[in-house]
Amino acid sequence: MIARSKNIINQGRRGQDHEAKNAAKKEYDDRADAYKKALDEINNLNKQLDAPALSGRRQNAESQGAR
């Protein structure tokens, strides 16, 4: 009887551990996704700055400021 009670308690603890592990994994995945999205936005903005149309404008602005 006592062994059966201990087994039931241990199963409950394992279930709680499993739930905590799943919650931590979900939080990590959510943060990783947010980081990847932010990094993609930064990379896209950098590509736009390096586009030929903007590069020409930047060179013109620099040359006018050097006068």
PDB file of N, CA and C in Angstrom:
ATOM      1  N   MET A   1       0.817  -1.189   0.000  1.00  0.00           N
ATOM      2  CA  MET A   1       0.000   0.000   0.000  1.00  0.00           C
ATOM      3  C   MET A   1       0.868   1.263   0.000  1.00  0.00           C
ATOM      4  N   ILE A   2       1.893   1.288   0.854  1.00  0.00           N
ATOM      5  CA  ILE A   2       2.766   2.459   0.926  1.00  0.00           C
ATOM      6  C   ILE A   2       3.548   2.611  -0.375  1.00  0.00           C
ATOM      7  N   ALA A   3       4.014   1.503  -0.933  1.00  0.00           N
ATOM      8  CA  ALA A   3       4.775   1.557  -2.187  1.00  0.00           C
ATOM      9  C   ALA A   3       3.897   2.099  -3.305  1.00  0.00           C
ATOM     10  N   ARG A   4       2.635   1.701  -3.324  1.00  0.00           N
ATOM     11  CA  ARG A   4       1.713   2.191  -4.352  1.00  0.00           C
ATOM     12  C   ARG A   4       1.498   3.698  -4.210  1.00  0.00           C
ATOM     13  N   SER A   5       1.400   4.182  -2.984  1.00  0.00           N
ATOM     14  CA  SER A   5       1.209   5.620  -2.739  1.00  0.00           C
ATOM     15  C   SER A   5       2.429   6.409  -3.201  1.00  0.00           C
ATOM     16  N   LYS A   6       3.636   5.871  -2.907  1.00  0.00           N
ATOM     17  CA  LYS A   6       4.858   6.541  -3.350  1.00  0.00           C
ATOM     18  C   LYS A   6       4.930   6.595  -4.871  1.00  0.00           C
ATOM     19  N   ASN A   7       4.511   5.518  -5.512  1.00  0.00           N
ATOM     20  CA  ASN A   7       4.520   5.454  -6.973  1.00  0.00           C
ATOM     21  C   ASN A   7       3.585   6.502  -7.560  1.00  0.00           C
ATOM     22  N   ILE A   8       2.425   6.656  -6.989  1.00  0.00           N
ATOM     23  CA  ILE A   8       1.456   7.652  -7.455  1.00  0.00           C
ATOM     24  C   ILE A   8       2.018   9.067  -7.273  1.00  0.00           C
ATOM     25  N   ILE A   9       2.668   9.327  -6.134  1.00  0.00           N
ATOM     26  CA  ILE A   9       3.275  10.647  -5.879  1.00  0.00           C
ATOM     27  C   ILE A   9       4.382  10.921  -6.891  1.00  0.00           C
ATOM     28  N   ASN A  10       5.226   9.918  -7.152  1.00  0.00           N
ATOM     29  CA  ASN A  10       6.316  10.091  -8.117  1.00  0.00           C
ATOM     30  C   ASN A  10       5.783  10.363  -9.520  1.00  0.00           C
ATOM     31  N   GLN A  11       4.701   9.702  -9.888  1.00  0.00           N
ATOM     32  CA  GLN A  11       4.108   9.952 -11.201  1.00  0.00           C
ATOM     33  C   GLN A  11       3.615  11.388 -11.303  1.00  0.00           C
ATOM     34  N   GLY A  12       3.041  11.897 -10.220  1.00  0.00           N
ATOM     35  CA  GLY A  12       2.580  13.287 -10.206  1.00  0.00           C
ATOM     36  C   GLY A  12       3.736  14.254 -10.354  1.00  0.00           C
ATOM     37  N   ARG A  13       4.844  13.975  -9.704  1.00  0.00           N
ATOM     38  CA  ARG A  13       6.033  14.839  -9.813  1.00  0.00           C
ATOM     39  C   ARG A  13       6.590  14.811 -11.225  1.00  0.00           C
ATOM     40  N   ARG A  14       6.617  13.630 -11.817  1.00  0.00           N
ATOM     41  CA  ARG A  14       7.113  13.528 -13.196  1.00  0.00           C
ATOM     42  C   ARG A  14       6.233  14.335 -14.143  1.00  0.00           C
ATOM     43  N   GLY A  15       4.940  14.295 -13.896  1.00  0.00           N
ATOM     44  CA  GLY A  15       4.015  15.067 -14.729  1.00  0.00           C
ATOM     45  C   GLY A  15       4.255  16.564 -14.582  1.00  0.00           C
ATOM     46  N   GLN A  16       4.514  17.012 -13.354  1.00  0.00           N
ATOM     47  CA  GLN A  16       4.805  18.433 -13.119  1.00  0.00           C
ATOM     48  C   GLN A  16       6.120  18.823 -13.780  1.00  0.00           C
ATOM     49  N   ASP A  17       7.127  17.949 -13.685  1.00  0.00           N
ATOM     50  CA  ASP A  17       8.418  18.219 -14.325  1.00  0.00           C
ATOM     51  C   ASP A  17       8.255  18.331 -15.836  1.00  0.00           C
ATOM     52  N   HIS A  18       7.446  17.439 -16.390  1.00  0.00           N
ATOM     53  CA  HIS A  18       7.200  17.439 -17.834  1.00  0.00           C
ATOM     54  C   HIS A  18       6.497  18.735 -18.259  1.00  0.00           C
ATOM     55  N   GLU A  19       5.520  19.159 -17.468  1.00  0.00           N
ATOM     56  CA  GLU A  19       4.807  20.413 -17.775  1.00  0.00           C
ATOM     57  C   GLU A  19       5.738  21.613 -17.691  1.00  0.00           C
ATOM     58  N   ALA A  20       6.607  21.641 -16.684  1.00  0.00           N
ATOM     59  CA  ALA A  20       7.558  22.743 -16.526  1.00  0.00           C
ATOM     60  C   ALA A  20       8.542  22.767 -17.687  1.00  0.00           C
ATOM     61  N   LYS A  21       8.986  21.600 -18.109  1.00  0.00           N
ATOM     62  CA  LYS A  21       9.918  21.512 -19.242  1.00  0.00           C
ATOM     63  C   LYS A  21       9.244  22.025 -20.517  1.00  0.00           C
ATOM     64  N   ASN A  22       8.009  21.636 -20.735  1.00  0.00           N
ATOM     65  CA  ASN A  22       7.281  22.092 -21.924  1.00  0.00           C
ATOM     66  C   ASN A  22       7.059  23.605 -21.898  1.00  0.00           C
ATOM     67  N   ALA A  23       6.756  24.145 -20.723  1.00  0.00           N
ATOM     68  CA  ALA A  23       6.541  25.593 -20.601  1.00  0.00           C
ATOM     69  C   ALA A  23       7.836  26.347 -20.882  1.00  0.00           C
ATOM     70  N   ALA A  24       8.950  25.844 -20.366  1.00  0.00           N
ATOM     71  CA  ALA A  24      10.245  26.487 -20.613  1.00  0.00           C
ATOM     72  C   ALA A  24      10.620  26.417 -22.084  1.00  0.00           C
ATOM     73  N   LYS A  25      10.351  25.284 -22.716  1.00  0.00           N
ATOM     74  CA  LYS A  25      10.656  25.139 -24.145  1.00  0.00           C
ATOM     75  C   LYS A  25       9.806  26.091 -24.971  1.00  0.00           C
ATOM     76  N   LYS A  26       8.540  26.234 -24.636  1.00  0.00           N
ATOM     77  CA  LYS A  26       7.663  27.145 -25.367  1.00  0.00           C
ATOM     78  C   LYS A  26       8.142  28.579 -25.214  1.00  0.00           C
ATOM     79  N   GLU A  27       8.520  28.959 -23.997  1.00  0.00           N
ATOM     80  CA  GLU A  27       9.014  30.322 -23.773  1.00  0.00           C
ATOM     81  C   GLU A  27      10.293  30.573 -24.591  1.00  0.00           C
ATOM     82  N   TYR A  28      11.197  29.598 -24.590  1.00  0.00           N
ATOM     83  CA  TYR A  28      12.428  29.722 -25.365  1.00  0.00           C
ATOM     84  C   TYR A  28      12.113  29.860 -26.853  1.00  0.00           C
ATOM     85  N   ASP A  29      11.237  29.008 -27.359  1.00  0.00           N
ATOM     86  CA  ASP A  29      10.872  29.058 -28.777  1.00  0.00           C
ATOM     87  C   ASP A  29      10.248  30.399 -29.142  1.00  0.00           C
ATOM     88  N   ASP A  30       9.388  30.926 -28.274  1.00  0.00           N
ATOM     89  CA  ASP A  30       8.759  32.232 -28.520  1.00  0.00           C
ATOM     90  C   ASP A  30       9.805  33.332 -28.581  1.00  0.00           C
ATOM     91  N   ARG A  31      10.749  33.303 -27.640  1.00  0.00           N
ATOM     92  CA  ARG A  31      11.808  34.326 -27.629  1.00  0.00           C
ATOM     93  C   ARG A  31      12.721  34.194 -28.845  1.00  0.00           C
ATOM     94  N   ALA A  32      13.039  32.964 -29.216  1.00  0.00           N
ATOM     95  CA  ALA A  32      13.898  32.732 -30.378  1.00  0.00           C
ATOM     96  C   ALA A  32      13.208  33.235 -31.646  1.00  0.00           C
ATOM     97  N   ASP A  33      11.916  32.995 -31.784  1.00  0.00           N
ATOM     98  CA  ASP A  33      11.167  33.483 -32.942  1.00  0.00           C
ATOM     99  C   ASP A  33      11.156  35.005 -32.995  1.00  0.00           C
ATOM    100  N   ALA A  34      10.952  35.642 -31.849  1.00  0.00           N
ATOM    101  CA  ALA A  34      10.945  37.113 -31.799  1.00  0.00           C
ATOM    102  C   ALA A  34      12.318  37.654 -32.182  1.00  0.00           C
ATOM    103  N   TYR A  35      13.372  37.016 -31.712  1.00  0.00           N
ATOM    104  CA  TYR A  35      14.731  37.437 -32.043  1.00  0.00           C
ATOM    105  C   TYR A  35      14.982  37.300 -33.543  1.00  0.00           C
ATOM    106  N   LYS A  36      14.568  36.171 -34.117  1.00  0.00           N
ATOM    107  CA  LYS A  36      14.774  35.950 -35.551  1.00  0.00           C
ATOM    108  C   LYS A  36      14.019  36.976 -36.382  1.00  0.00           C
ATOM    109  N   LYS A  37      12.794  37.305 -35.978  1.00  0.00           N
ATOM    110  CA  LYS A  37      12.008  38.311 -36.704  1.00  0.00           C
ATOM    111  C   LYS A  37      12.684  39.673 -36.632  1.00  0.00           C
ATOM    112  N   ALA A  38      13.167  40.053 -35.461  1.00  0.00           N
ATOM    113  CA  ALA A  38      13.847  41.343 -35.302  1.00  0.00           C
ATOM    114  C   ALA A  38      15.123  41.377 -36.138  1.00  0.00           C
ATOM    115  N   LEU A  39      15.862  40.287 -36.150  1.00  0.00           N
ATOM    116  CA  LEU A  39      17.084  40.218 -36.940  1.00  0.00           C
ATOM    117  C   LEU A  39      16.781  40.308 -38.433  1.00  0.00           C
ATOM    118  N   ASP A  40      15.715  39.658 -38.877  1.00  0.00           N
ATOM    119  CA  ASP A  40      15.303  39.753 -40.278  1.00  0.00           C
ATOM    120  C   ASP A  40      14.949  41.190 -40.650  1.00  0.00           C
ATOM    121  N   GLU A  41      14.260  41.900 -39.759  1.00  0.00           N
ATOM    122  CA  GLU A  41      13.908  43.299 -40.025  1.00  0.00           C
ATOM    123  C   GLU A  41      15.162  44.155 -40.145  1.00  0.00           C
ATOM    124  N   ILE A  42      16.113  43.947 -39.264  1.00  0.00           N
ATOM    125  CA  ILE A  42      17.366  44.701 -39.312  1.00  0.00           C
ATOM    126  C   ILE A  42      18.100  44.419 -40.609  1.00  0.00           C
ATOM    127  N   ASN A  43      18.176  43.151 -40.988  1.00  0.00           N
ATOM    128  CA  ASN A  43      18.862  42.793 -42.233  1.00  0.00           C
ATOM    129  C   ASN A  43      18.172  43.412 -43.442  1.00  0.00           C
ATOM    130  N   ASN A  44      16.838  43.435 -43.444  1.00  0.00           N
ATOM    131  CA  ASN A  44      16.108  44.041 -44.556  1.00  0.00           C
ATOM    132  C   ASN A  44      16.361  45.546 -44.624  1.00  0.00           C
ATOM    133  N   LEU A  45      16.398  46.209 -43.477  1.00  0.00           N
ATOM    134  CA  LEU A  45      16.696  47.644 -43.467  1.00  0.00           C
ATOM    135  C   LEU A  45      18.113  47.911 -43.970  1.00  0.00           C
ATOM    136  N   ASN A  46      19.053  47.073 -43.580  1.00  0.00           N
ATOM    137  CA  ASN A  46      20.424  47.237 -44.063  1.00  0.00           C
ATOM    138  C   ASN A  46      20.506  47.044 -45.570  1.00  0.00           C
ATOM    139  N   LYS A  47      19.752  46.097 -46.099  1.00  0.00           N
ATOM    140  CA  LYS A  47      19.728  45.884 -47.555  1.00  0.00           C
ATOM    141  C   LYS A  47      19.163  47.105 -48.257  1.00  0.00           C
ATOM    142  N   GLN A  48      18.117  47.707 -47.670  1.00  0.00           N
ATOM    143  CA  GLN A  48      17.521  48.894 -48.273  1.00  0.00           C
ATOM    144  C   GLN A  48      18.514  50.048 -48.273  1.00  0.00           C
ATOM    145  N   LEU A  49      19.298  50.179 -47.226  1.00  0.00           N
ATOM    146  CA  LEU A  49      20.300  51.252 -47.167  1.00  0.00           C
ATOM    147  C   LEU A  49      21.401  51.046 -48.193  1.00  0.00           C
ATOM    148  N   ASP A  50      21.694  49.802 -48.498  1.00  0.00           N
ATOM    149  CA  ASP A  50      22.746  49.497 -49.460  1.00  0.00           C
ATOM    150  C   ASP A  50      22.237  49.472 -50.898  1.00  0.00           C
ATOM    151  N   ALA A  51      20.950  49.712 -51.098  1.00  0.00           N
ATOM    152  CA  ALA A  51      20.379  49.714 -52.450  1.00  0.00           C
ATOM    153  C   ALA A  51      20.992  50.862 -53.249  1.00  0.00           C
ATOM    154  N   PRO A  52      21.151  50.687 -54.562  1.00  0.00           N
ATOM    155  CA  PRO A  52      21.794  51.719 -55.395  1.00  0.00           C
ATOM    156  C   PRO A  52      21.129  53.092 -55.312  1.00  0.00           C
ATOM    157  N   ALA A  53      19.819  53.154 -55.271  1.00  0.00           N
ATOM    158  CA  ALA A  53      19.132  54.447 -55.233  1.00  0.00           C
ATOM    159  C   ALA A  53      19.500  55.214 -53.971  1.00  0.00           C
ATOM    160  N   LEU A  54      19.526  54.551 -52.862  1.00  0.00           N
ATOM    161  CA  LEU A  54      19.870  55.220 -51.611  1.00  0.00           C
ATOM    162  C   LEU A  54      21.360  55.507 -51.527  1.00  0.00           C
ATOM    163  N   SER A  55      22.186  54.637 -52.090  1.00  0.00           N
ATOM    164  CA  SER A  55      23.623  54.869 -52.060  1.00  0.00           C
ATOM    165  C   SER A  55      23.961  56.146 -52.813  1.00  0.00           C
ATOM    166  N   GLY A  56      23.303  56.366 -53.943  1.00  0.00           N
ATOM    167  CA  GLY A  56      23.526  57.594 -54.714  1.00  0.00           C
ATOM    168  C   GLY A  56      23.111  58.817 -53.930  1.00  0.00           C
ATOM    169  N   ARG A  57      22.010  58.748 -53.255  1.00  0.00           N
ATOM    170  CA  ARG A  57      21.551  59.876 -52.440  1.00  0.00           C
ATOM    171  C   ARG A  57      22.536  60.150 -51.310  1.00  0.00           C
ATOM    172  N   ARG A  58      23.061  59.093 -50.726  1.00  0.00           N
ATOM    173  CA  ARG A  58      24.003  59.259 -49.629  1.00  0.00           C
ATOM    174  C   ARG A  58      25.283  59.908 -50.136  1.00  0.00           C
ATOM    175  N   GLN A  59      25.766  59.483 -51.312  1.00  0.00           N
ATOM    176  CA  GLN A  59      26.983  60.070 -51.883  1.00  0.00           C
ATOM    177  C   GLN A  59      26.754  61.537 -52.206  1.00  0.00           C
ATOM    178  N   ASN A  60      25.584  61.886 -52.754  1.00  0.00           N
ATOM    179  CA  ASN A  60      25.283  63.281 -53.065  1.00  0.00           C
ATOM    180  C   ASN A  60      25.262  64.122 -51.799  1.00  0.00           C
ATOM    181  N   ALA A  61      24.657  63.619 -50.759  1.00  0.00           N
ATOM    182  CA  ALA A  61      24.577  64.351 -49.502  1.00  0.00           C
ATOM    183  C   ALA A  61      25.974  64.538 -48.909  1.00  0.00           C
ATOM    184  N   GLU A  62      26.808  63.515 -49.008  1.00  0.00           N
ATOM    185  CA  GLU A  62      28.168  63.632 -48.481  1.00  0.00           C
ATOM    186  C   GLU A  62      28.987  64.640 -49.282  1.00  0.00           C
ATOM    187  N   SER A  63      28.832  64.624 -50.599  1.00  0.00           N
ATOM    188  CA  SER A  63      29.614  65.541 -51.421  1.00  0.00           C
ATOM    189  C   SER A  63      29.142  66.985 -51.215  1.00  0.00           C
ATOM    190  N   GLN A  64      27.869  67.201 -50.988  1.00  0.00           N
ATOM    191  CA  GLN A  64      27.360  68.553 -50.732  1.00  0.00           C
ATOM    192  C   GLN A  64      27.818  69.050 -49.364  1.00  0.00           C
ATOM    193  N   GLY A  65      27.935  68.163 -48.429  1.00  0.00           N
ATOM    194  CA  GLY A  65      28.380  68.563 -47.100  1.00  0.00           C
ATOM    195  C   GLY A  65      29.871  68.863 -47.074  1.00  0.00           C
ATOM    196  N   ALA A  66      30.631  68.321 -48.007  1.00  0.00           N
ATOM    197  CA  ALA A  66      32.066  68.530 -48.041  1.00  0.00           C
ATOM    198  C   ALA A  66      32.449  69.877 -48.628  1.00  0.00           C
ATOM    199  N   ARG A  67      31.513  70.570 -49.247  1.00  0.00           N
ATOM    200  CA  ARG A  67      31.810  71.851 -49.907  1.00  0.00           C
ATOM    201  C   ARG A  67      32.179  72.906 -48.956  1.00  0.00           C
TER     202      ARG A  67
END
